[in-house]
């Protein structure tokens, strides 16, 4: 089963990463942003239909009920908004979209686990991420060299490239950077010298981009994920911790060379993007979202009401207007009510209970996929923290990469069922 199923995962993951990182090279139908959203929608529907079809074919459809019940309140809160509010011709789109998103990674992760493919799926994702991120890093150096030769000193305006907004790239970095240590820990060619050099180069360039772009949300999220993983997994996570820190140091060295030394030799002055200490205008947005969430407590003001509602607070009336409040949790509370946050908390508690059991197994050295769980845990935690200050679950590029990582994490979160071959080996 593994040999037949494993090759299917690689092209799927390659499609996800390729459509996000290399959108500039792909012919567009509606524009890269809209194309990614269409692709994501089709992927979610396909994942749910194929996942349920596979379970039905195996006679295991009833077995998924205990796995799906934690999703029900969250999905209900999204769909309830459809029944309550009819704010326009497209009011159905967003709540159904979010319901499909959460169901898709839950069902797909469960199917992968029941098929005994969790480790294989994780390795496939890591290999695809390694190749895609390497080529993105290599092309970034090309963009950098063009900028230097053209005497363009504002590097942060063109790098990272391929995204209309630096924040959209930072979402991707938050998801994938915690996976970089796995490039040298779990892939089949991890001992190949050329592969190791490529992994080090990839880690250095992506961390350099984080420092260059001053992506505070990514940095805080990654730091939180790093510290929590170290605290929870302890010595079992040391191989991942050492490589994570090593790549960060490589990135700092790359920043000193590419952003300080070389520009100081080429240009008259160095223009380095600094870290801001303020909220970048987020506080009025959060105050407005909070006020919205209380107006029709606990049900919210309905889908896309952030864009259409009458302004409630003076602070937001006097500030710049954005398409979202730069906080996914406050946005969901404002539009879908605190019932959606309770549903999300219930889902997280369910995941935490099973994840903690796996942590104990990993700490005891009894989990062959321990380092995979460490890295994917750090990735998910970093993204959840980053979502508190940015649109991690709005931008389709972030959601495409995120649904793949969440699927694998959900598959790794619980132990795989014993396969028939394993039972025979144990018996003898």
Protein backbone atom coordinates (compact mmCIF):
# COMPACT_ATOMS: atom_id res chain seq x y z
CA UNK A 1 0.00 0.00 0.00
CA UNK A 2 2.77 2.42 0.84
CA UNK A 3 4.59 1.89 -2.46
CA UNK A 4 1.37 2.55 -4.40
CA UNK A 5 0.22 5.58 -2.41
CA UNK A 6 3.50 7.40 -1.76
CA UNK A 7 4.12 8.65 -5.36
CA UNK A 8 0.69 10.31 -5.40
CA UNK A 9 1.65 12.68 -2.60
CA UNK A 10 4.75 14.18 -4.24
CA UNK A 11 2.99 15.79 -7.25
CA UNK A 12 0.21 17.09 -5.00
CA UNK A 13 2.68 18.77 -2.66
CA UNK A 14 4.71 20.00 -5.65
CA UNK A 15 1.57 21.61 -7.09
CA UNK A 16 0.93 23.41 -3.79
CA UNK A 17 4.45 24.76 -3.36
CA UNK A 18 4.91 25.54 -7.05
CA UNK A 19 1.68 27.54 -7.27
CA UNK A 20 2.72 29.63 -4.26
CA UNK A 21 6.47 30.20 -4.62
CA UNK A 22 6.64 30.40 -8.41
CA UNK A 23 3.32 32.03 -9.28
CA UNK A 24 5.17 34.61 -11.41
CA UNK A 25 6.14 31.88 -13.87
CA UNK A 26 2.71 30.25 -14.14
CA UNK A 27 0.17 31.50 -16.72
CA UNK A 28 -2.60 33.25 -14.83
CA UNK A 29 -6.33 33.07 -15.48
CA UNK A 30 -7.76 35.42 -12.84
CA UNK A 31 -4.53 36.73 -11.33
CA UNK A 32 -2.16 34.81 -9.06
CA UNK A 33 -4.08 35.55 -5.85
CA UNK A 34 -7.45 34.49 -7.27
CA UNK A 35 -5.93 31.48 -9.05
CA UNK A 36 -4.50 30.24 -5.76
CA UNK A 37 -7.88 30.61 -4.09
CA UNK A 38 -9.59 28.64 -6.88
CA UNK A 39 -6.92 25.93 -6.63
CA UNK A 40 -7.34 25.79 -2.87
CA UNK A 41 -11.11 25.47 -3.17
CA UNK A 42 -10.84 22.62 -5.68
CA UNK A 43 -8.20 20.92 -3.54
CA UNK A 44 -10.36 21.08 -0.40
CA UNK A 45 -13.36 19.57 -2.18
CA UNK A 46 -11.21 16.85 -3.75
CA UNK A 47 -9.54 16.01 -0.43
CA UNK A 48 -12.86 15.60 1.36
CA UNK A 49 -14.53 13.60 -1.42
CA UNK A 50 -11.55 11.31 -2.04
CA UNK A 51 -10.91 10.87 1.68
CA UNK A 52 -14.47 9.87 2.46
CA UNK A 53 -14.54 7.72 -0.67
CA UNK A 54 -11.42 5.87 0.45
CA UNK A 55 -12.87 5.23 3.88
CA UNK A 56 -16.14 4.04 2.36
CA UNK A 57 -14.27 1.70 0.01
CA UNK A 58 -12.39 0.22 2.99
CA UNK A 59 -15.58 -0.07 5.03
CA UNK A 60 -14.19 2.40 7.60
CA UNK A 61 -16.55 5.33 7.10
CA UNK A 62 -18.06 5.01 10.58
CA UNK A 63 -14.59 5.04 12.15
CA UNK A 64 -14.06 8.70 11.27
CA UNK A 65 -16.96 9.93 13.42
CA UNK A 66 -14.90 10.07 16.67
CA UNK A 67 -12.21 11.92 14.71
CA UNK A 68 -14.56 14.55 13.29
CA UNK A 69 -16.70 15.50 16.27
CA UNK A 70 -14.21 18.14 17.55
CA UNK A 71 -14.63 19.94 14.21
CA UNK A 72 -18.42 20.10 14.47
CA UNK A 73 -18.85 23.19 16.68
CA UNK A 74 -16.34 25.15 14.63
CA UNK A 75 -17.96 24.13 11.33
CA UNK A 76 -21.40 24.81 12.83
CA UNK A 77 -20.36 28.34 13.80
CA UNK A 78 -19.29 29.06 10.23
CA UNK A 79 -22.44 27.62 8.69
CA UNK A 80 -24.70 29.27 11.29
CA UNK A 81 -23.58 32.63 9.96
CA UNK A 82 -24.95 31.62 6.56
CA UNK A 83 -28.41 31.11 8.04
CA UNK A 84 -28.33 34.30 10.09
CA UNK A 85 -27.00 36.85 7.63
CA UNK A 86 -27.61 37.42 3.94
CA UNK A 87 -25.28 40.33 3.29
CA UNK A 88 -24.83 39.91 -0.46
CA UNK A 89 -24.73 37.50 -3.38
CA UNK A 90 -21.48 35.91 -2.19
CA UNK A 91 -22.20 35.62 1.53
CA UNK A 92 -22.02 31.81 1.27
CA UNK A 93 -18.48 31.68 -0.06
CA UNK A 94 -16.31 32.45 2.95
CA UNK A 95 -18.06 30.44 5.71
CA UNK A 96 -18.36 27.36 3.48
CA UNK A 97 -14.73 27.85 2.47
CA UNK A 98 -13.55 27.85 6.09
CA UNK A 99 -15.72 24.84 6.94
CA UNK A 100 -14.19 22.91 4.04
CA UNK A 101 -10.68 23.97 5.05
CA UNK A 102 -10.86 22.53 8.55
CA UNK A 103 -12.70 19.39 7.45
CA UNK A 104 -10.22 18.78 4.63
CA UNK A 105 -7.09 18.55 6.77
CA UNK A 106 -8.95 16.57 9.45
CA UNK A 107 -10.27 13.97 7.00
CA UNK A 108 -7.07 13.81 4.94
CA UNK A 109 -4.88 13.46 8.01
CA UNK A 110 -7.07 10.68 9.36
CA UNK A 111 -7.00 8.79 6.04
CA UNK A 112 -3.21 9.09 5.80
CA UNK A 113 -2.86 7.77 9.34
CA UNK A 114 -5.24 4.83 8.86
CA UNK A 115 -3.38 3.88 5.68
CA UNK A 116 -0.12 3.82 7.64
CA UNK A 117 1.33 6.61 5.50
CA UNK A 118 2.00 9.34 8.06
CA UNK A 119 5.79 9.04 7.97
CA UNK A 120 5.84 8.68 4.18
CA UNK A 121 3.58 11.71 3.73
CA UNK A 122 5.79 13.78 6.01
CA UNK A 123 8.94 12.76 4.15
CA UNK A 124 7.31 13.54 0.80
CA UNK A 125 6.33 16.99 2.02
CA UNK A 126 9.82 17.64 3.39
CA UNK A 127 11.51 16.62 0.13
CA UNK A 128 9.18 18.81 -1.95
CA UNK A 129 9.65 21.73 0.45
CA UNK A 130 13.43 21.32 0.29
CA UNK A 131 13.54 21.39 -3.51
CA UNK A 132 11.04 24.25 -3.86
CA UNK A 133 12.66 26.40 -1.18
CA UNK A 134 16.14 25.77 -2.63
CA UNK A 135 15.14 27.01 -6.07
CA UNK A 136 13.35 30.00 -4.55
CA UNK A 137 16.54 30.82 -2.61
CA UNK A 138 18.71 30.41 -5.71
CA UNK A 139 16.47 32.73 -7.73
CA UNK A 140 16.52 35.21 -4.86
CA UNK A 141 20.28 35.49 -5.25
CA UNK A 142 19.73 36.20 -8.95
CA UNK A 143 17.33 39.02 -8.07
CA UNK A 144 19.86 40.30 -5.53
CA UNK A 145 22.68 40.38 -8.09
CA UNK A 146 20.51 42.25 -10.58
CA UNK A 147 19.68 44.81 -7.89
CA UNK A 148 23.34 45.29 -6.96
CA UNK A 149 24.48 45.68 -10.57
CA UNK A 150 21.64 48.16 -11.23
CA UNK A 151 22.65 50.27 -8.18
CA UNK A 152 19.28 49.64 -6.50
CA UNK A 153 19.90 49.91 -2.78
CA UNK A 154 16.36 49.36 -1.43
CA UNK A 155 16.64 45.58 -1.44
CA UNK A 156 13.63 45.13 0.84
CA UNK A 157 11.37 46.58 -1.90
CA UNK A 158 12.11 43.76 -4.36
CA UNK A 159 13.15 40.92 -2.04
CA UNK A 160 11.35 38.67 -1.15
CA UNK A 161 10.11 38.45 -4.73
CA UNK A 162 6.99 36.85 -6.21
CA UNK A 163 4.55 38.24 -3.62
CA UNK A 164 2.51 41.43 -3.79
CA UNK A 165 3.07 41.95 -0.07
CA UNK A 166 5.97 41.01 2.19
CA UNK A 167 3.48 39.70 4.75
CA UNK A 168 2.29 37.01 2.32
CA UNK A 169 5.84 35.71 1.97
CA UNK A 170 6.35 35.83 5.73
CA UNK A 171 3.33 33.54 6.18
CA UNK A 172 5.03 30.93 4.00
CA UNK A 173 8.29 31.34 5.90
CA UNK A 174 6.51 30.76 9.20
CA UNK A 175 5.13 27.47 7.91
CA UNK A 176 8.27 26.10 6.22
CA UNK A 177 11.30 27.35 8.18
CA UNK A 178 10.69 24.88 11.08
CA UNK A 179 10.85 22.07 8.51
CA UNK A 180 14.36 23.01 7.31
CA UNK A 181 16.21 20.89 9.93
CA UNK A 182 14.37 17.84 8.56
CA UNK A 183 16.24 18.33 5.27
CA UNK A 184 19.27 16.87 7.07
CA UNK A 185 17.48 14.51 9.43
CA UNK A 186 14.87 12.39 7.65
CA UNK A 187 15.24 12.51 3.86
CA UNK A 188 16.88 9.53 2.10
CA UNK A 189 19.78 11.61 0.71
CA UNK A 190 20.57 13.39 3.97
CA UNK A 191 24.20 12.19 3.92
CA UNK A 192 24.88 13.37 0.38
CA UNK A 193 27.38 16.24 0.50
CA UNK A 194 25.74 18.20 -2.30
CA UNK A 195 22.34 17.85 -0.64
CA UNK A 196 23.75 19.07 2.68
CA UNK A 197 25.29 22.12 1.01
CA UNK A 198 21.98 22.86 -0.69
CA UNK A 199 20.11 22.56 2.61
CA UNK A 200 22.55 24.93 4.34
CA UNK A 201 22.25 27.42 1.47
CA UNK A 202 18.46 27.24 1.59
CA UNK A 203 18.34 27.77 5.34
CA UNK A 204 20.79 30.69 5.17
CA UNK A 205 18.91 32.53 2.41
CA UNK A 206 15.46 32.07 3.91
CA UNK A 207 16.64 33.28 7.32
CA UNK A 208 18.39 36.19 5.60
CA UNK A 209 15.08 37.09 3.98
CA UNK A 210 13.41 37.03 7.39
CA UNK A 211 16.02 39.45 8.76
CA UNK A 212 15.94 41.59 5.60
CA UNK A 213 12.16 41.93 5.61
CA UNK A 214 11.96 42.41 9.41
CA UNK A 215 8.99 40.04 9.56
CA UNK A 216 8.14 40.43 13.23
CA UNK A 217 5.16 38.08 13.11
CA UNK A 218 7.29 35.31 11.68
CA UNK A 219 10.14 35.89 14.12
CA UNK A 220 7.87 35.91 17.16
CA UNK A 221 5.99 32.84 15.93
CA UNK A 222 9.19 30.94 15.17
CA UNK A 223 10.70 31.87 18.53
CA UNK A 224 7.55 30.73 20.34
CA UNK A 225 7.48 27.44 18.42
CA UNK A 226 11.19 26.88 19.07
CA UNK A 227 10.95 27.50 22.83
CA UNK A 228 7.78 25.46 23.33
CA UNK A 229 9.08 22.50 21.33
CA UNK A 230 12.32 22.55 23.33
CA UNK A 231 10.37 22.71 26.60
CA UNK A 232 7.95 19.90 25.68
CA UNK A 233 10.18 17.44 23.83
CA UNK A 234 13.39 18.06 25.77
CA UNK A 235 16.46 16.11 24.69
CA UNK A 236 14.47 14.22 22.09
CA UNK A 237 14.30 17.43 20.06
CA UNK A 238 18.03 18.27 20.29
CA UNK A 239 18.93 17.25 16.71
CA UNK A 240 16.18 19.52 15.39
CA UNK A 241 17.05 22.32 17.85
CA UNK A 242 20.74 22.35 16.87
CA UNK A 243 20.01 22.53 13.15
CA UNK A 244 17.30 25.15 13.61
CA UNK A 245 19.74 27.36 15.54
CA UNK A 246 22.53 26.65 13.04
CA UNK A 247 20.40 27.76 10.09
CA UNK A 248 19.44 30.93 11.98
CA UNK A 249 23.14 31.71 12.51
CA UNK A 250 23.81 31.05 8.82
CA UNK A 251 21.04 33.52 8.02
CA UNK A 252 22.53 36.15 10.32
CA UNK A 253 25.92 35.76 8.63
CA UNK A 254 24.24 36.02 5.22
CA UNK A 255 22.46 39.19 6.38
CA UNK A 256 25.75 40.76 7.48
CA UNK A 257 27.39 39.93 4.14
CA UNK A 258 24.50 40.58 1.74
CA UNK A 259 22.74 43.43 3.53
CA UNK A 260 25.63 45.25 5.22
CA UNK A 261 29.09 44.46 3.84
CA UNK A 262 28.38 44.28 0.10
CA UNK A 263 25.96 47.27 0.02
CA UNK A 264 28.47 49.35 2.01
CA UNK A 265 31.07 48.65 -0.67
CA UNK A 266 28.74 49.29 -3.61
CA UNK A 267 26.49 52.13 -2.41
CA UNK A 268 27.17 55.38 -0.62
CA UNK A 269 24.88 54.45 2.26
CA UNK A 270 23.35 51.33 3.76
CA UNK A 271 19.57 51.11 3.83
CA UNK A 272 18.51 48.42 6.27
CA UNK A 273 14.88 47.81 7.15
CA UNK A 274 14.56 48.25 10.92
CA UNK A 275 12.40 46.45 13.43
CA UNK A 276 9.46 48.54 14.59
CA UNK A 277 8.55 48.67 18.26
CA UNK A 278 4.94 49.80 17.77
CA UNK A 279 1.87 47.86 16.64
CA UNK A 280 2.01 49.23 13.05
CA UNK A 281 -1.53 50.53 13.36
CA UNK A 282 -3.01 47.25 14.55
CA UNK A 283 -4.44 48.46 17.87
CA UNK A 284 -7.37 50.41 16.34
CA UNK A 285 -8.13 47.38 14.17
CA UNK A 286 -8.18 45.07 17.18
CA UNK A 287 -10.37 47.47 19.15
CA UNK A 288 -12.85 47.58 16.28
CA UNK A 289 -12.89 43.79 15.89
CA UNK A 290 -13.40 43.40 19.64
CA UNK A 291 -16.35 45.80 19.57
CA UNK A 292 -17.84 43.91 16.61
CA UNK A 293 -17.52 40.59 18.43
CA UNK A 294 -19.59 41.90 21.34
CA UNK A 295 -22.34 43.52 19.27
CA UNK A 296 -24.24 40.30 18.54
CA UNK A 297 -22.54 38.14 21.16
CA UNK A 298 -21.87 35.25 20.79
CA UNK A 299 -22.78 34.97 17.09
CA UNK A 300 -20.85 37.80 15.45
CA UNK A 301 -21.93 40.15 12.66
CA UNK A 302 -21.78 37.74 9.73
CA UNK A 303 -19.45 36.84 6.84
CA UNK A 304 -17.32 39.69 5.47
CA UNK A 305 -18.96 42.13 7.87
CA UNK A 306 -15.53 43.62 8.58
CA UNK A 307 -15.72 45.14 5.09
CA UNK A 308 -19.36 46.21 5.20
CA UNK A 309 -20.24 47.14 8.79
CA UNK A 310 -20.77 50.62 10.16
CA UNK A 311 -17.66 51.65 12.08
CA UNK A 312 -18.10 51.25 15.84
CA UNK A 313 -15.02 52.84 17.43
CA UNK A 314 -13.53 56.30 17.06
CA UNK A 315 -10.01 54.88 16.98
CA UNK A 316 -10.74 52.84 13.86
CA UNK A 317 -12.65 55.72 12.25
CA UNK A 318 -9.52 57.86 12.52
CA UNK A 319 -7.07 55.17 11.38
CA UNK A 320 -6.16 53.55 8.07
CA UNK A 321 -8.61 50.96 6.77
CA UNK A 322 -7.53 47.40 6.00
CA UNK A 323 -9.32 44.39 4.54
CA UNK A 324 -8.90 42.46 7.81
CA UNK A 325 -8.00 43.28 11.42
CA UNK A 326 -4.58 41.58 11.30
CA UNK A 327 -5.71 39.04 13.88
CA UNK A 328 -7.45 35.89 12.69
CA UNK A 329 -9.01 35.11 16.07
CA UNK A 330 -10.54 38.55 16.53
CA UNK A 331 -11.73 38.50 12.92
CA UNK A 332 -13.49 35.16 13.41
CA UNK A 333 -14.96 36.40 16.69
CA UNK A 334 -16.18 39.58 14.98
CA UNK A 335 -17.71 37.87 11.95
CA UNK A 336 -18.65 34.38 13.21
CA UNK A 337 -18.90 35.09 16.90
CA UNK A 338 -17.18 33.81 20.00
CA UNK A 339 -18.89 30.50 19.36
CA UNK A 340 -16.33 29.98 16.58
CA UNK A 341 -13.48 30.68 19.01
CA UNK A 342 -14.94 28.18 21.48
CA UNK A 343 -15.14 25.67 18.63
CA UNK A 344 -11.52 26.36 17.71
CA UNK A 345 -10.49 25.98 21.35
CA UNK A 346 -12.33 22.66 21.54
CA UNK A 347 -10.52 21.44 18.44
CA UNK A 348 -7.18 22.54 19.88
CA UNK A 349 -7.91 20.77 23.19
CA UNK A 350 -8.71 17.56 21.33
CA UNK A 351 -5.46 17.85 19.37
CA UNK A 352 -3.48 18.76 22.48
CA UNK A 353 -4.71 15.71 24.39
CA UNK A 354 -3.56 13.26 21.72
CA UNK A 355 -0.44 15.25 20.85
CA UNK A 356 0.71 15.19 24.49
CA UNK A 357 0.48 11.41 24.53
CA UNK A 358 2.72 11.31 21.47
CA UNK A 359 5.13 13.73 23.14
CA UNK A 360 5.54 11.26 26.00
CA UNK A 361 6.30 8.49 23.50
CA UNK A 362 8.85 10.68 21.70
CA UNK A 363 10.55 11.69 24.96
CA UNK A 364 10.84 8.00 25.84
CA UNK A 365 12.61 7.38 22.52
CA UNK A 366 9.92 4.98 21.31
CA UNK A 367 8.63 6.95 18.30
CA UNK A 368 10.38 6.41 14.94
CA UNK A 369 8.70 9.59 13.66
CA UNK A 370 9.67 11.67 16.68
CA UNK A 371 11.71 14.32 14.85
CA UNK A 372 8.95 14.68 12.28
CA UNK A 373 6.46 15.43 15.04
CA UNK A 374 8.89 17.93 16.58
CA UNK A 375 9.28 19.90 13.35
CA UNK A 376 5.63 19.84 12.33
CA UNK A 377 4.61 20.86 15.84
CA UNK A 378 6.94 23.86 15.66
CA UNK A 379 5.53 24.77 12.25
CA UNK A 380 1.89 24.64 13.37
CA UNK A 381 2.58 26.48 16.64
CA UNK A 382 4.50 29.22 14.82
CA UNK A 383 1.67 29.69 12.33
CA UNK A 384 -0.98 29.82 15.06
CA UNK A 385 0.98 32.52 16.88
CA UNK A 386 1.61 34.43 13.66
CA UNK A 387 -2.14 34.30 12.95
CA UNK A 388 -2.62 36.49 16.01
CA UNK A 389 -1.04 39.43 14.19
CA UNK A 390 -1.58 38.68 10.50
CA UNK A 391 -3.85 37.09 7.88
CA UNK A 392 -2.31 33.61 7.94
CA UNK A 393 -5.70 32.01 7.27
CA UNK A 394 -6.87 34.51 4.66
CA UNK A 395 -4.02 34.66 2.13
CA UNK A 396 -4.52 31.67 -0.21
CA UNK A 397 -0.79 31.02 -0.57
CA UNK A 398 -0.44 30.58 3.16
CA UNK A 399 -3.54 28.42 3.28
CA UNK A 400 -2.28 26.17 0.46
CA UNK A 401 1.01 25.47 2.24
CA UNK A 402 -0.76 25.39 5.59
CA UNK A 403 -3.34 22.76 4.64
CA UNK A 404 -0.55 20.39 3.59
CA UNK A 405 1.36 20.90 6.85
CA UNK A 406 -1.78 20.68 8.99
CA UNK A 407 -2.76 17.45 7.22
CA UNK A 408 0.58 15.82 7.96
CA UNK A 409 0.57 17.13 11.53
CA UNK A 410 -2.92 15.67 12.06
CA UNK A 411 -1.66 12.35 10.72
CA UNK A 412 1.37 12.36 13.04
CA UNK A 413 -0.59 13.53 16.07
CA UNK A 414 -1.81 10.03 16.95
CA UNK A 415 -0.09 6.65 16.53
CA UNK A 416 -0.76 4.75 13.33
CA UNK A 417 -2.84 1.57 13.62
CA UNK A 418 -0.82 -1.63 13.52
CA UNK A 419 -0.59 -2.95 9.97
CA UNK A 420 -1.14 -6.67 9.28
CA UNK A 421 2.52 -7.12 8.42
CA UNK A 422 3.57 -5.56 11.73
CA UNK A 423 1.25 -7.88 13.66
CA UNK A 424 2.77 -10.93 11.96
CA UNK A 425 6.31 -9.77 12.78
CA UNK A 426 5.37 -9.12 16.41
CA UNK A 427 3.82 -12.60 16.69
CA UNK A 428 6.98 -14.28 15.49
